[in-house]
Amino acid sequence: MPELLPQPARDEIDLSVVFSTLSDPLRRTAIAILATLPDSTERNCVSFGFPVAKASLTHHFKILREAGLISQIDYGNRRASSLRREDIEARFPGLLALLVEELKQGGGVEKAVVSAGRR
């Protein structure tokens, strides 16, 4: 049976934690990509195509979940992630638009690839 993994409540999402989480280009790019997709779209971490090991991706997505930026559902053999768009917009209006704009300008993916290569 699918299980929603622990995440902070909307009012517990902290701006300093969000900024720290988004300081990593790979995580920032993942959120920007999710923000361009329809609401409730679920993706697994490997589907983003980042050039890092699955264990590293799992770690990055755990950090995103613990910051309150995504929800993750454990289906047993895989975890699906979805953007907590409504919660993010309620807490930090305009943040997702800024991330999407960075992605459109090409800053996100390229920086994420370079950053991933340094790990």
Protein backbone atom coordinates (compact mmCIF):
# COMPACT_ATOMS: atom_id res chain seq x y z
CA MET A 1 0.00 0.00 0.00
CA PRO A 2 1.42 3.44 -0.91
CA GLU A 3 2.79 5.42 2.01
CA LEU A 4 3.27 9.20 2.18
CA LEU A 5 6.72 9.83 3.65
CA PRO A 6 7.10 12.30 6.55
CA GLN A 7 7.22 15.96 5.60
CA PRO A 8 6.79 19.26 7.43
CA ALA A 9 3.35 20.82 7.64
CA ARG A 10 2.81 23.97 5.58
CA ASP A 11 3.34 26.30 8.53
CA GLU A 12 6.56 24.46 9.47
CA ILE A 13 8.27 25.12 6.13
CA ASP A 14 11.16 27.43 7.04
CA LEU A 15 12.60 29.96 4.59
CA SER A 16 16.20 29.50 5.75
CA VAL A 17 15.91 25.72 5.26
CA VAL A 18 14.35 26.24 1.82
CA PHE A 19 17.14 28.63 0.78
CA SER A 20 19.81 26.25 2.06
CA THR A 21 18.18 23.38 0.18
CA LEU A 22 17.90 25.39 -3.04
CA SER A 23 21.52 26.53 -2.85
CA ASP A 24 22.39 23.26 -4.58
CA PRO A 25 21.93 23.64 -8.37
CA LEU A 26 20.73 20.06 -8.85
CA ARG A 27 17.98 20.43 -6.27
CA ARG A 28 17.05 23.88 -7.59
CA THR A 29 16.77 22.47 -11.10
CA ALA A 30 14.64 19.54 -9.95
CA ILE A 31 12.17 21.94 -8.29
CA ALA A 32 12.12 24.20 -11.36
CA ILE A 33 11.40 21.21 -13.62
CA LEU A 34 8.57 20.06 -11.34
CA ALA A 35 7.19 23.62 -11.33
CA THR A 36 6.84 23.49 -15.14
CA LEU A 37 4.70 20.34 -14.97
CA PRO A 38 0.96 20.08 -14.26
CA ASP A 39 -0.09 19.92 -10.61
CA SER A 40 0.14 16.49 -8.95
CA THR A 41 2.61 15.19 -11.54
CA GLU A 42 4.69 12.42 -9.96
CA ARG A 43 8.26 11.71 -11.04
CA ASN A 44 10.91 9.42 -9.66
CA CYS A 45 14.36 10.87 -9.04
CA VAL A 46 16.03 8.97 -11.88
CA SER A 47 13.58 10.37 -14.46
CA PHE A 48 15.24 13.80 -14.29
CA GLY A 49 18.32 12.46 -16.08
CA PHE A 50 20.88 14.04 -13.77
CA PRO A 51 24.36 12.50 -14.22
CA VAL A 52 24.75 11.28 -10.63
CA ALA A 53 24.38 7.93 -8.90
CA LYS A 54 20.91 6.87 -7.81
CA ALA A 55 22.06 6.95 -4.17
CA SER A 56 23.02 10.62 -4.58
CA LEU A 57 19.68 11.41 -6.19
CA THR A 58 17.83 9.67 -3.38
CA HIS A 59 19.75 11.82 -0.90
CA HIS A 60 18.96 15.05 -2.79
CA PHE A 61 15.25 14.21 -2.97
CA LYS A 62 15.17 13.36 0.74
CA ILE A 63 16.56 16.84 1.46
CA LEU A 64 13.90 18.39 -0.80
CA ARG A 65 11.19 16.46 1.06
CA GLU A 66 12.53 17.35 4.50
CA ALA A 67 12.59 21.03 3.48
CA GLY A 68 8.91 20.78 2.55
CA LEU A 69 9.38 21.39 -1.16
CA ILE A 70 8.18 17.99 -2.39
CA SER A 71 5.99 15.14 -1.22
CA GLN A 72 7.17 11.58 -1.71
CA ILE A 73 5.04 8.47 -1.84
CA ASP A 74 6.68 5.10 -1.28
CA TYR A 75 5.08 2.52 -3.56
CA GLY A 76 7.28 -0.29 -2.27
CA ASN A 77 9.49 -0.70 -5.33
CA ARG A 78 9.81 3.01 -6.11
CA ARG A 79 9.29 6.48 -4.68
CA ALA A 80 7.38 9.13 -6.56
CA SER A 81 7.95 12.82 -5.92
CA SER A 82 5.56 15.69 -6.53
CA LEU A 83 5.89 19.41 -5.98
CA ARG A 84 4.08 20.94 -3.01
CA ARG A 85 3.13 23.87 -5.23
CA GLU A 86 0.19 25.13 -3.17
CA ASP A 87 2.20 25.07 0.06
CA ILE A 88 5.24 26.76 -1.49
CA GLU A 89 3.16 29.49 -3.10
CA ALA A 90 1.27 30.09 0.15
CA ARG A 91 4.48 30.40 2.17
CA PHE A 92 6.77 32.07 -0.40
CA PRO A 93 4.79 33.68 -3.25
CA GLY A 94 6.80 34.01 -6.45
CA LEU A 95 9.60 31.62 -5.49
CA LEU A 96 8.64 28.99 -8.06
CA ALA A 97 8.37 31.61 -10.81
CA LEU A 98 11.94 32.71 -10.07
CA LEU A 99 13.20 29.13 -10.29
CA VAL A 100 11.37 28.50 -13.56
CA GLU A 101 12.81 31.72 -15.01
CA GLU A 102 16.33 30.60 -14.06
CA LEU A 103 15.67 27.27 -15.77
CA LYS A 104 14.41 29.01 -18.93
CA GLN A 105 17.58 31.12 -19.04
CA GLY A 106 19.68 27.96 -18.99
CA GLY A 107 21.21 28.54 -15.58
CA GLY A 108 19.74 25.55 -13.84
CA VAL A 109 20.56 22.39 -15.76
CA GLU A 110 24.08 23.38 -16.79
CA LYS A 111 24.99 24.39 -13.24
CA ALA A 112 23.47 21.17 -11.94
CA VAL A 113 25.57 19.08 -14.32
CA VAL A 114 28.76 20.95 -13.40
CA SER A 115 27.92 20.72 -9.70
CA ALA A 116 27.20 17.01 -9.98
CA GLY A 117 30.56 16.46 -11.65
CA ARG A 118 32.34 17.96 -8.65
CA ARG A 119 30.89 15.53 -6.13
